Amino acid sequence: MGEAAVLELGRGALVTGLSVCAPMLAAGLVIGVIVSIVLAATQIQEFTLTFIPKLAAMAAAGLLSAPWMLRTMVSFAGWVLREMASVGP
């Protein structure tokens, strides 16, 4: 396996991992900012109140994007296995 193939495998793994994580991270970020703005506007100083809304939003984003995430990961795994087979002994 050449250096270019290894770099391509690493790049593909990073891009796939980041794209699969993005929906849940974005949901957590958006809900966290909204809850923080509400807490600042009401002058509530309890930062543990952000936990439950973030958890619920991330779970919902995970459930809604699960089919797409699974297809993406299966596609990447198939590509890796095809590349491994093409290298061969």
N, C-alpha and C. Protein backbone atom coordinates (compact mmCIF):
# COMPACT_ATOMS: atom_id res chain seq x y z
N MET A 1 0.86 -1.16 0.00
CA MET A 1 0.00 0.00 0.00
C MET A 1 0.90 1.23 0.00
N GLY A 2 0.69 2.07 -0.96
CA GLY A 2 1.54 3.24 -1.11
C GLY A 2 1.18 4.35 -0.15
N GLU A 3 2.05 5.33 -0.13
CA GLU A 3 1.86 6.48 0.76
C GLU A 3 0.60 7.25 0.39
N ALA A 4 0.34 7.42 -0.88
CA ALA A 4 -0.85 8.15 -1.33
C ALA A 4 -2.13 7.43 -0.91
N ALA A 5 -2.13 6.11 -0.98
CA ALA A 5 -3.32 5.35 -0.58
C ALA A 5 -3.58 5.47 0.92
N VAL A 6 -2.52 5.47 1.69
CA VAL A 6 -2.67 5.61 3.14
C VAL A 6 -3.20 7.00 3.48
N LEU A 7 -2.68 8.02 2.81
CA LEU A 7 -3.17 9.38 3.05
C LEU A 7 -4.63 9.53 2.62
N GLU A 8 -4.98 8.90 1.52
CA GLU A 8 -6.37 8.95 1.06
C GLU A 8 -7.29 8.24 2.05
N LEU A 9 -6.85 7.12 2.60
CA LEU A 9 -7.63 6.41 3.61
C LEU A 9 -7.82 7.26 4.87
N GLY A 10 -6.76 7.90 5.32
CA GLY A 10 -6.86 8.77 6.49
C GLY A 10 -7.77 9.96 6.25
N ARG A 11 -7.65 10.57 5.05
CA ARG A 11 -8.51 11.70 4.73
C ARG A 11 -9.97 11.27 4.68
N GLY A 12 -10.22 10.12 4.06
CA GLY A 12 -11.59 9.62 3.98
C GLY A 12 -12.17 9.32 5.36
N ALA A 13 -11.34 8.76 6.24
CA ALA A 13 -11.81 8.45 7.59
C ALA A 13 -12.15 9.73 8.36
N LEU A 14 -11.31 10.75 8.23
CA LEU A 14 -11.59 12.02 8.92
C LEU A 14 -12.84 12.70 8.38
N VAL A 15 -12.97 12.75 7.06
CA VAL A 15 -14.13 13.40 6.46
C VAL A 15 -15.41 12.65 6.82
N THR A 16 -15.37 11.33 6.76
CA THR A 16 -16.55 10.54 7.11
C THR A 16 -16.91 10.71 8.59
N GLY A 17 -15.92 10.66 9.45
CA GLY A 17 -16.18 10.83 10.88
C GLY A 17 -16.76 12.19 11.21
N LEU A 18 -16.20 13.23 10.61
CA LEU A 18 -16.71 14.58 10.87
C LEU A 18 -18.11 14.78 10.30
N SER A 19 -18.37 14.23 9.12
CA SER A 19 -19.69 14.41 8.54
C SER A 19 -20.76 13.61 9.28
N VAL A 20 -20.38 12.46 9.84
CA VAL A 20 -21.35 11.67 10.60
C VAL A 20 -21.66 12.33 11.95
N CYS A 21 -20.67 12.96 12.55
CA CYS A 21 -20.88 13.62 13.85
C CYS A 21 -21.55 14.98 13.73
N ALA A 22 -21.48 15.60 12.57
CA ALA A 22 -21.92 16.98 12.40
C ALA A 22 -23.38 17.24 12.79
N PRO A 23 -24.35 16.42 12.40
CA PRO A 23 -25.74 16.76 12.77
C PRO A 23 -25.98 16.84 14.27
N MET A 24 -25.43 15.90 15.03
CA MET A 24 -25.64 15.92 16.47
C MET A 24 -24.88 17.08 17.13
N LEU A 25 -23.67 17.34 16.66
CA LEU A 25 -22.91 18.45 17.22
C LEU A 25 -23.55 19.79 16.91
N ALA A 26 -24.09 19.93 15.70
CA ALA A 26 -24.76 21.18 15.34
C ALA A 26 -26.02 21.39 16.18
N ALA A 27 -26.77 20.32 16.39
CA ALA A 27 -27.98 20.44 17.22
C ALA A 27 -27.62 20.84 18.64
N GLY A 28 -26.59 20.22 19.20
CA GLY A 28 -26.16 20.59 20.55
C GLY A 28 -25.68 22.01 20.64
N LEU A 29 -24.97 22.47 19.60
CA LEU A 29 -24.47 23.84 19.58
C LEU A 29 -25.61 24.84 19.51
N VAL A 30 -26.56 24.61 18.62
CA VAL A 30 -27.67 25.56 18.45
C VAL A 30 -28.51 25.62 19.72
N ILE A 31 -28.87 24.48 20.28
CA ILE A 31 -29.69 24.47 21.49
C ILE A 31 -28.92 25.07 22.66
N GLY A 32 -27.62 24.80 22.75
CA GLY A 32 -26.81 25.38 23.82
C GLY A 32 -26.76 26.89 23.76
N VAL A 33 -26.62 27.44 22.56
CA VAL A 33 -26.59 28.90 22.41
C VAL A 33 -27.95 29.50 22.76
N ILE A 34 -29.03 28.86 22.29
CA ILE A 34 -30.37 29.38 22.58
C ILE A 34 -30.64 29.36 24.08
N VAL A 35 -30.33 28.25 24.73
CA VAL A 35 -30.57 28.16 26.18
C VAL A 35 -29.69 29.15 26.93
N SER A 36 -28.46 29.33 26.49
CA SER A 36 -27.57 30.29 27.15
C SER A 36 -28.09 31.72 27.01
N ILE A 37 -28.65 32.04 25.85
CA ILE A 37 -29.23 33.38 25.67
C ILE A 37 -30.43 33.58 26.58
N VAL A 38 -31.27 32.54 26.68
CA VAL A 38 -32.43 32.63 27.57
C VAL A 38 -31.98 32.77 29.02
N LEU A 39 -30.98 32.01 29.42
CA LEU A 39 -30.49 32.11 30.80
C LEU A 39 -29.89 33.48 31.07
N ALA A 40 -29.18 34.03 30.09
CA ALA A 40 -28.60 35.36 30.28
C ALA A 40 -29.68 36.43 30.33
N ALA A 41 -30.72 36.27 29.51
CA ALA A 41 -31.79 37.27 29.49
C ALA A 41 -32.60 37.25 30.78
N THR A 42 -32.78 36.08 31.35
CA THR A 42 -33.55 35.99 32.60
C THR A 42 -32.67 36.10 33.83
N GLN A 43 -31.37 36.20 33.62
CA GLN A 43 -30.37 36.33 34.70
C GLN A 43 -30.39 35.14 35.66
N ILE A 44 -30.69 33.98 35.11
CA ILE A 44 -30.60 32.76 35.90
C ILE A 44 -29.16 32.29 35.82
N GLN A 45 -28.57 31.96 36.95
CA GLN A 45 -27.16 31.58 36.98
C GLN A 45 -26.95 30.08 37.13
N GLU A 46 -27.91 29.29 36.70
CA GLU A 46 -27.80 27.84 36.82
C GLU A 46 -27.45 27.25 35.46
N PHE A 47 -26.21 26.85 35.28
CA PHE A 47 -25.76 26.37 33.99
C PHE A 47 -26.03 24.89 33.78
N THR A 48 -26.52 24.20 34.78
CA THR A 48 -26.87 22.80 34.60
C THR A 48 -28.20 22.65 33.85
N LEU A 49 -28.94 23.75 33.69
CA LEU A 49 -30.21 23.70 32.96
C LEU A 49 -30.01 23.46 31.47
N THR A 50 -28.80 23.63 30.97
CA THR A 50 -28.57 23.42 29.54
C THR A 50 -28.41 21.94 29.20
N PHE A 51 -28.21 21.11 30.19
CA PHE A 51 -27.90 19.71 29.92
C PHE A 51 -29.06 18.96 29.27
N ILE A 52 -30.25 19.03 29.86
CA ILE A 52 -31.40 18.26 29.37
C ILE A 52 -31.83 18.70 27.96
N PRO A 53 -31.96 19.99 27.67
CA PRO A 53 -32.33 20.36 26.29
C PRO A 53 -31.28 19.94 25.26
N LYS A 54 -30.00 20.06 25.61
CA LYS A 54 -28.95 19.63 24.68
C LYS A 54 -29.01 18.13 24.46
N LEU A 55 -29.20 17.37 25.52
CA LEU A 55 -29.29 15.92 25.41
C LEU A 55 -30.47 15.51 24.54
N ALA A 56 -31.62 16.16 24.75
CA ALA A 56 -32.81 15.83 23.96
C ALA A 56 -32.61 16.20 22.50
N ALA A 57 -32.02 17.36 22.23
CA ALA A 57 -31.81 17.79 20.84
C ALA A 57 -30.81 16.88 20.13
N MET A 58 -29.76 16.50 20.83
CA MET A 58 -28.77 15.62 20.21
C MET A 58 -29.34 14.22 19.97
N ALA A 59 -30.17 13.74 20.88
CA ALA A 59 -30.81 12.44 20.67
C ALA A 59 -31.77 12.49 19.49
N ALA A 60 -32.53 13.57 19.39
CA ALA A 60 -33.46 13.72 18.27
C ALA A 60 -32.70 13.82 16.95
N ALA A 61 -31.63 14.59 16.93
CA ALA A 61 -30.82 14.70 15.71
C ALA A 61 -30.21 13.35 15.35
N GLY A 62 -29.78 12.61 16.34
CA GLY A 62 -29.21 11.29 16.09
C GLY A 62 -30.24 10.33 15.52
N LEU A 63 -31.45 10.37 16.07
CA LEU A 63 -32.51 9.48 15.57
C LEU A 63 -32.96 9.87 14.17
N LEU A 64 -33.05 11.17 13.90
CA LEU A 64 -33.49 11.61 12.58
C LEU A 64 -32.45 11.36 11.50
N SER A 65 -31.18 11.47 11.85
CA SER A 65 -30.13 11.31 10.84
C SER A 65 -29.49 9.92 10.88
N ALA A 66 -30.01 9.02 11.68
CA ALA A 66 -29.43 7.68 11.79
C ALA A 66 -29.39 6.92 10.47
N PRO A 67 -30.44 6.92 9.65
CA PRO A 67 -30.34 6.19 8.38
C PRO A 67 -29.24 6.74 7.47
N TRP A 68 -29.14 8.05 7.40
CA TRP A 68 -28.09 8.66 6.58
C TRP A 68 -26.70 8.34 7.14
N MET A 69 -26.55 8.41 8.48
CA MET A 69 -25.26 8.10 9.08
C MET A 69 -24.87 6.65 8.81
N LEU A 70 -25.81 5.75 8.91
CA LEU A 70 -25.53 4.34 8.67
C LEU A 70 -25.13 4.10 7.22
N ARG A 71 -25.85 4.73 6.27
CA ARG A 71 -25.49 4.59 4.86
C ARG A 71 -24.09 5.13 4.59
N THR A 72 -23.75 6.26 5.22
CA THR A 72 -22.44 6.86 5.03
C THR A 72 -21.34 5.95 5.56
N MET A 73 -21.53 5.40 6.75
CA MET A 73 -20.52 4.54 7.34
C MET A 73 -20.38 3.23 6.58
N VAL A 74 -21.49 2.66 6.12
CA VAL A 74 -21.43 1.43 5.34
C VAL A 74 -20.73 1.68 4.01
N SER A 75 -21.02 2.81 3.40
CA SER A 75 -20.36 3.16 2.15
C SER A 75 -18.85 3.29 2.34
N PHE A 76 -18.45 3.95 3.42
CA PHE A 76 -17.02 4.11 3.70
C PHE A 76 -16.36 2.76 3.99
N ALA A 77 -17.04 1.92 4.76
CA ALA A 77 -16.49 0.60 5.07
C ALA A 77 -16.34 -0.24 3.80
N GLY A 78 -17.31 -0.15 2.91
CA GLY A 78 -17.22 -0.86 1.64
C GLY A 78 -16.05 -0.37 0.80
N TRP A 79 -15.85 0.94 0.79
CA TRP A 79 -14.72 1.51 0.05
C TRP A 79 -13.39 1.03 0.63
N VAL A 80 -13.29 1.01 1.96
CA VAL A 80 -12.06 0.54 2.60
C VAL A 80 -11.81 -0.92 2.27
N LEU A 81 -12.84 -1.75 2.32
CA LEU A 81 -12.67 -3.17 2.02
C LEU A 81 -12.29 -3.39 0.55
N ARG A 82 -12.88 -2.61 -0.35
CA ARG A 82 -12.49 -2.73 -1.75
C ARG A 82 -11.04 -2.32 -1.96
N GLU A 83 -10.61 -1.29 -1.27
CA GLU A 83 -9.21 -0.85 -1.38
C GLU A 83 -8.28 -1.92 -0.81
N MET A 84 -8.67 -2.54 0.28
CA MET A 84 -7.84 -3.60 0.86
C MET A 84 -7.73 -4.79 -0.09
N ALA A 85 -8.85 -5.10 -0.74
CA ALA A 85 -8.83 -6.24 -1.68
C ALA A 85 -7.98 -5.94 -2.90
N SER A 86 -7.95 -4.67 -3.31
CA SER A 86 -7.17 -4.34 -4.49
C SER A 86 -5.67 -4.35 -4.21
N VAL A 87 -5.29 -4.14 -2.96
CA VAL A 87 -3.85 -4.18 -2.61
C VAL A 87 -3.38 -5.61 -2.66
N GLY A 88 -4.07 -6.48 -1.96
CA GLY A 88 -3.79 -7.93 -1.99
C GLY A 88 -2.35 -8.32 -1.68
N PRO A 89 -2.09 -9.62 -1.66
CA PRO A 89 -0.73 -10.09 -1.38
C PRO A 89 0.18 -10.01 -2.58
